[in-house]
Each structure stands twice: as C-alpha cells, then as structure tokens.
C-alpha cells in the first residue's frame, strides 16, 4: 500500500499542513482535509466578509465543528500588517511606534488587544510579534514592522507582546528566525542572503529570539534567508540553522514562513521545500496565501497549492526520503500547539488606542492646523507599493483625511532613478495643484538615499509649504526644509492622528467606523483615491471635484468626499 492509499499516513501528513484558501466559506476540499486530520488554516483578507461582522466567527466555529483541535492563524501584527482590519487600516499601534515609545506595558496591552481580536474572530494563533532587528535602513520587507534597530530594545518588546498575546489566550508565533532585519531583498520575491558571520548574528539578531523563548513563546516562524556560513539552503530548509533554535532551548512549534514565497517556490519548489523543511526540523508547514500570484503567476488554485505540498510529503514517505518518525515528531509538536492557551480575565478587556495616537507620531517643523474654511487638499503619494507582507493597498491617510476634506490623491507610480526624470515627474504632479490648496506628501523610504528623498528636494523647490508625512523609518540625514510628520506606520490609527493634527476639531469616532469586533477588510476594489501618473507624462488632467473620475493621457484621477478606500490583496 502506498502512502497515498494509507489513511493513517494521509492523516499524519495532513496534521502538519497549514494552508490558506479562497472565499468567505470553507471549500469542500478544505472540509475533507479537516476530516482527514488537517492541522488547520491561516486566514487572509479574502476570507473575511466586510458586510457581515459575525461571518468570520461563524466560519471558525464551522471549521472547529469538523475538527475540534484546528489551528486557525491570522497574520495580525498591528501597524502596517493587518488582515482583520485590512479595509481601513489597523487601529493598533505598530511595532516601530511601540519601540520608539519604549513603554513595555503599552506593548503588553497591545498584545492583549490583538489577542482579544484574534479570539473574537475564532482564531487561536497570531503570527506576531516580529522579532527581527531592523539594522538595514534599506530593508524592503521589515522596516517599521520591527520594534527597532537595537537587539536589547527589540528583545524587551518582543517579550512584552508575547506576554500580552498569550495571557489573552492566543498562541504567539514569533518571526522570522534567525532574523530578517539586515537583508536588502524581500523573500516574497527572491531569496535573500544574510551576509553576516554567525557570531555577529548571535550578537545582533538572536537576542530577541532568546527573549521570546524565555517569555514562553509557543511557536517561532522561520525566515527564507541564506546564512552563508551555515550553508546555501534557506534557513527554513537548513538543519544547521534550525538545530540552533532547539539548542537555544526552544521546545515549541517551529513554523515555516509561507512556502508559496518566491524564496522557496521559485528555487526548490513548494513541494520539495516542504519535505526539506520537515527534515531540517520544522514542524508546521505554512503553505501560503492562494490569492497571491507568486512565481506561478496565478496559475494555481488553493487546492492545487495544497495538493502540491501534500503530494510531495506522501511521495517522500513512499521513497523513504522522509522517515515516518520524523513526521510523527512534527505532528506531536503541532498537536501541542493546538492545546488552548489559558486566558487571564484581566487581559480580555477591549482596549482603545486612539487617545495615544497623537503621542505616537513626531513633528518636525511647523505644521499649523488648516484653516476652518479649507475644504480641499491634495495627497501626493510617493511611497513604494505595499509589500506582499502588508497585502492591503488601502491608503489609510486619504481615507481618514477624506472624512473632513475633498481629497485628491496623486500617485506617480514607480519613481524614476535619475534625478532629471524624477524632478520632471514631481514637477508635473505639482503643476496640477492650485497654489491655494494644501499639499500632503506621503513617503515611506527616506531613511537612506533614494528616489523618495530626491523627490522631496523637488517638492521643496516648488511647494515649500507642503507637509511631508513619513510612514517609514526616520531619515538619518537632514531633509529639505519642509514640515515633517513621522507616523512610523501607515495604519488607520496614525492616519486619524494626522487628521486631528490638521483639523483639531475632527471627530475620530466617525459614524461609518466599523465596530471593533467586525475587523472587516473586504470586499475588495481598486483604491478610489488613486491617480496613476505615467513617468514624466508631460501633462496631467485638470482637477475635478466630487466622486468623479476621468481618464486622459493614460492617467486616472478620482477625488473623494469621505469615501472608504477598499483593499486588494495581491502578489
């Protein structure tokens, strides 16, 4: 009998798999997999119905009725990364904001609130906190998702958030071992290399993981990065890396980062990668988000992705390359993670961080409130496109400002790398904005030299009255003499703090705000604020008032009067 025909071995394989799926309800293949012993699922934005606040809890209850010990995970960090609030942005402080504030009790409370929200959705694992020490200002995927650039700072906040999450009844999944903070490549798109010796990694990047272990973290997620000193395999597939995690005293569940990421799927493949990960010491295989296109350019479905990994494990059992005992070891760890974390009564109380939001942003220069008669402003969005980790393309800033102003959002698209072309793009955009209108410039990559910093020079030359809002890491070098608001995240919480700064009388409790327990990020639609400007288009369409759009010269404009921007999840 082959493994494919052996019910016991099929169940064993299923017990270490953690797939995503499409839709608001469980597909038939997922129900069958749960009956067969599937470990559980990871929720993504496409699984949540914005129009039905109780939908996600019902879905969780349905999954649990099929398999009582199901693991339901949510990628919910707060700040930039949210699935439960993907539509409008997170109302929880981001990691870098918390590190800058350096109040470990506040971080613990944020962890407890995240736990409350995850539990309300019927889930029991939060893919948080981020333990990466962001020492590279050009890091494209971590940045403000980290608590900071100091191992000691990150360590104490990782410990505090784990305490908050797990005392709230949710298992923490700390990420990304052995540290993704000094890379300059996004592992969603390619395979990064951590060009450091292990001694330096141990000194600068591992302390937060040691703190996580000491705090009792129930699971730790691997990083798809190469540590050359320990071999050319990604850490997820490298027994020399994962054995060091066990040697550090970690006895919980080792979870892989998503196997659909290009660092795995475009190199060894998700199926072979799954086998190698189990052999290397991983326990739970996160298959990934089927809504992402990935290296297969959308050619597969959620079922295809699941069968690819399942089939590889079954074949490896048949050919003897994967010992049954190794798979049983992993399955036992996953079963232990499924045992509920006990919640402490004081840590299940709802927390509102809106009153703290103003204290989590920093202001440089004069940012006067806009006059009461001001009704329009333009947002010039120079930011990079959201990473796959962030997933949502919603602009929380335009949405928040749109509750008080008619907002016109200009999006130049990928900024040219040459100064001359870059200045032309910025000049073209600014030329369409009336001199009497306030300009808010959004950036998120000015910590090091690059197009966004160069673009600010062009802005300062034409509109020295512009207000710069930096949602990324703080700049290490002087910027042009412009008013600067550092929000350190692109969350709804930060956006509403910006609104109250510009319009102090603004009521943050707008009636269209969703209930805190709904967390609804869908349905998905293009951002209605966006105007995409072709590089150096040589002219833009004239501004139009109201919720109307016009296309001209390849550019599209949409003004907004409080309309909610909606999210799309993409790869």
Foldseek 3Di string as FASTA:
>chain_A
DFLVPDLVSLQLLQLQEEEEAAAQADDPVRLVSVLSHHQAYEDAQRNAFLVDLCSLQVRLVVSCVSPVLHAYEYADQAFLAHRLQLQQFGLADALQLCLVVLDLLSLLLSLLQVLLLCVLSNHAEYADDELAQQCALLAPACFLSANYNFNVSRQSSRLSSCNSNLLNWHAYAYDEPPHDRHWNDDQLEAETEDADDVVVSVVRRRNSVLSCVVSPHQHYEYDRYHHVVQHGGGLLLGLVRVVVSVVSPHPHAYEYDACLRCSRCVPVRSQVSLQSNLVSPHQHYYNDHLQACGPVRNPDRSVRSVCSNSVSVSVCCRVVVHPPVSSVVSSVNSSVSSPIRHHDVVSNDNDRCLVVQLVSKDKDDDDAADDPPAAEAEEEEAEAQDDLSSQWRFQSQQLLLLQRHWYAYEYQYHADFDLVLNLLSLVQVVVQDDLPHAYEYEYARQQDDTSVQSNQVSCCVPPQAHEYEYCGDDHPDDGPNHIYMYSVGRGNSNSNSVNCRRVVVDDPPDVPDDDPNSSNQDDADAFQNYWHHHRSLVHDDHDDTDQDWDDDSNIIIGIHNNDRTHTGGYD
